[in-house]
Protein backbone atom coordinates (compact mmCIF):
# COMPACT_ATOMS: atom_id res chain seq x y z
CA UNK A 1 -10.48 9.41 56.31
CA UNK A 2 -12.17 6.28 55.03
CA UNK A 3 -10.83 4.01 52.30
CA UNK A 4 -13.52 5.36 49.96
CA UNK A 5 -12.55 8.94 50.74
CA UNK A 6 -8.89 8.13 50.12
CA UNK A 7 -9.79 6.45 46.82
CA UNK A 8 -11.74 9.51 45.69
CA UNK A 9 -8.88 11.84 46.63
CA UNK A 10 -6.44 9.67 44.68
CA UNK A 11 -8.65 9.52 41.56
CA UNK A 12 -9.93 13.07 41.64
CA UNK A 13 -7.66 15.20 43.84
CA UNK A 14 -9.21 18.48 42.71
CA UNK A 15 -12.77 17.19 42.54
CA UNK A 16 -15.51 18.14 44.90
CA UNK A 17 -17.58 15.38 46.40
CA UNK A 18 -19.13 14.16 49.60
CA UNK A 19 -20.34 10.83 50.90
CA UNK A 20 -23.89 10.85 52.20
CA UNK A 21 -24.43 8.18 54.85
CA UNK A 22 -22.50 4.92 54.66
CA UNK A 23 -19.21 4.60 52.76
CA UNK A 24 -20.68 3.22 49.54
CA UNK A 25 -20.13 4.25 45.96
CA UNK A 26 -23.84 4.86 45.51
CA UNK A 27 -23.70 7.42 48.36
CA UNK A 28 -21.17 9.67 46.60
CA UNK A 29 -22.53 13.06 45.65
CA UNK A 30 -20.37 14.74 42.99
CA UNK A 31 -20.07 18.47 42.56
CA UNK A 32 -17.58 18.35 39.62
CA UNK A 33 -17.97 18.28 35.86
CA UNK A 34 -18.91 14.80 34.54
CA UNK A 35 -15.77 14.50 32.33
CA UNK A 36 -13.51 14.56 35.41
CA UNK A 37 -15.62 12.09 37.35
CA UNK A 38 -14.03 8.63 37.77
CA UNK A 39 -16.14 5.64 36.79
CA UNK A 40 -17.58 3.31 39.40
CA UNK A 41 -15.14 0.62 38.22
CA UNK A 42 -12.15 2.94 38.67
CA UNK A 43 -13.40 3.76 42.15
CA UNK A 44 -13.83 0.06 43.00
CA UNK A 45 -10.27 -0.75 41.87
CA UNK A 46 -8.80 2.15 43.84
CA UNK A 47 -10.97 1.30 46.85
CA UNK A 48 -9.44 -2.20 46.99
CA UNK A 49 -5.95 -0.63 46.90
CA UNK A 50 -6.82 1.82 49.67
CA UNK A 51 -8.37 -0.89 51.86
CA UNK A 52 -5.20 -2.96 51.44
CA UNK A 53 -3.04 0.03 52.30
CA UNK A 54 -5.06 0.63 55.48
CA UNK A 55 -4.72 -3.04 56.41
CA UNK A 56 -0.98 -3.10 55.62
CA UNK A 57 -0.30 -0.08 57.82
CA UNK A 58 -2.53 -1.00 60.78
CA UNK A 59 0.56 -2.06 62.72
CA UNK A 60 1.76 1.56 62.63
CA UNK A 61 -1.43 2.85 64.25
CA UNK A 62 -1.32 0.04 66.82
CA UNK A 63 2.29 0.81 67.68
CA UNK A 64 1.60 4.52 68.00
CA UNK A 65 -0.91 3.86 70.79
CA UNK A 66 1.61 1.80 72.77
CA UNK A 67 4.93 3.59 72.25
CA UNK A 68 6.34 5.70 75.10
CA UNK A 69 5.43 9.37 74.81
CA UNK A 70 7.72 11.80 73.02
CA UNK A 71 8.13 13.63 76.33
CA UNK A 72 9.41 10.42 77.99
CA UNK A 73 11.84 9.84 75.11
CA UNK A 74 13.19 13.39 75.36
CA UNK A 75 13.68 13.10 79.13
CA UNK A 76 15.36 9.71 78.69
CA UNK A 77 17.74 11.13 76.08
CA UNK A 78 18.56 14.10 78.31
CA UNK A 79 19.24 11.84 81.26
CA UNK A 80 21.35 9.58 79.08
CA UNK A 81 23.39 12.59 77.95
CA UNK A 82 23.90 13.48 81.61
CA UNK A 83 25.26 10.00 82.30
CA UNK A 84 22.18 8.15 83.56
CA UNK A 85 20.90 5.76 80.89
CA UNK A 86 18.43 3.80 83.09
CA UNK A 87 15.35 5.50 81.62
CA UNK A 88 16.77 5.17 78.10
CA UNK A 89 17.16 1.42 78.64
CA UNK A 90 13.50 1.24 79.78
CA UNK A 91 12.36 3.18 76.71
CA UNK A 92 14.38 0.91 74.43
CA UNK A 93 12.89 -2.19 76.08
CA UNK A 94 9.35 -0.78 75.79
CA UNK A 95 9.83 0.01 72.10
CA UNK A 96 11.19 -3.46 71.39
CA UNK A 97 8.15 -5.03 73.09
CA UNK A 98 5.73 -2.82 71.13
CA UNK A 99 7.44 -3.82 67.87
CA UNK A 100 7.34 -7.51 68.82
CA UNK A 101 3.67 -7.28 69.81
CA UNK A 102 2.75 -5.40 66.60
CA UNK A 103 5.01 -6.79 63.86
CA UNK A 104 5.36 -5.19 60.47
CA UNK A 105 3.64 -7.39 57.84
CA UNK A 106 5.88 -9.35 55.52
């Protein structure tokens, strides 16, 4: 979901709305009672927060694309349990590289 969609869900979790066209406040079509509708200023403030949250967590999405598959991790753990930790060492090395290449923001 877009930052604007996330902002609207945060401000009006039970509201009904849709965004027509581009993600812009002026493209929001509300289907809720006016008294429960957030103001444009409230939406703008929450939109900034949501955009920052998306930016702050981008490393997680980047890492997810590069991490070894769950299937590979399970096989590596099973092999490790059986006494062969070669694949586990590879998985651990891969994960360390992914984390180094996509660091968590300070």
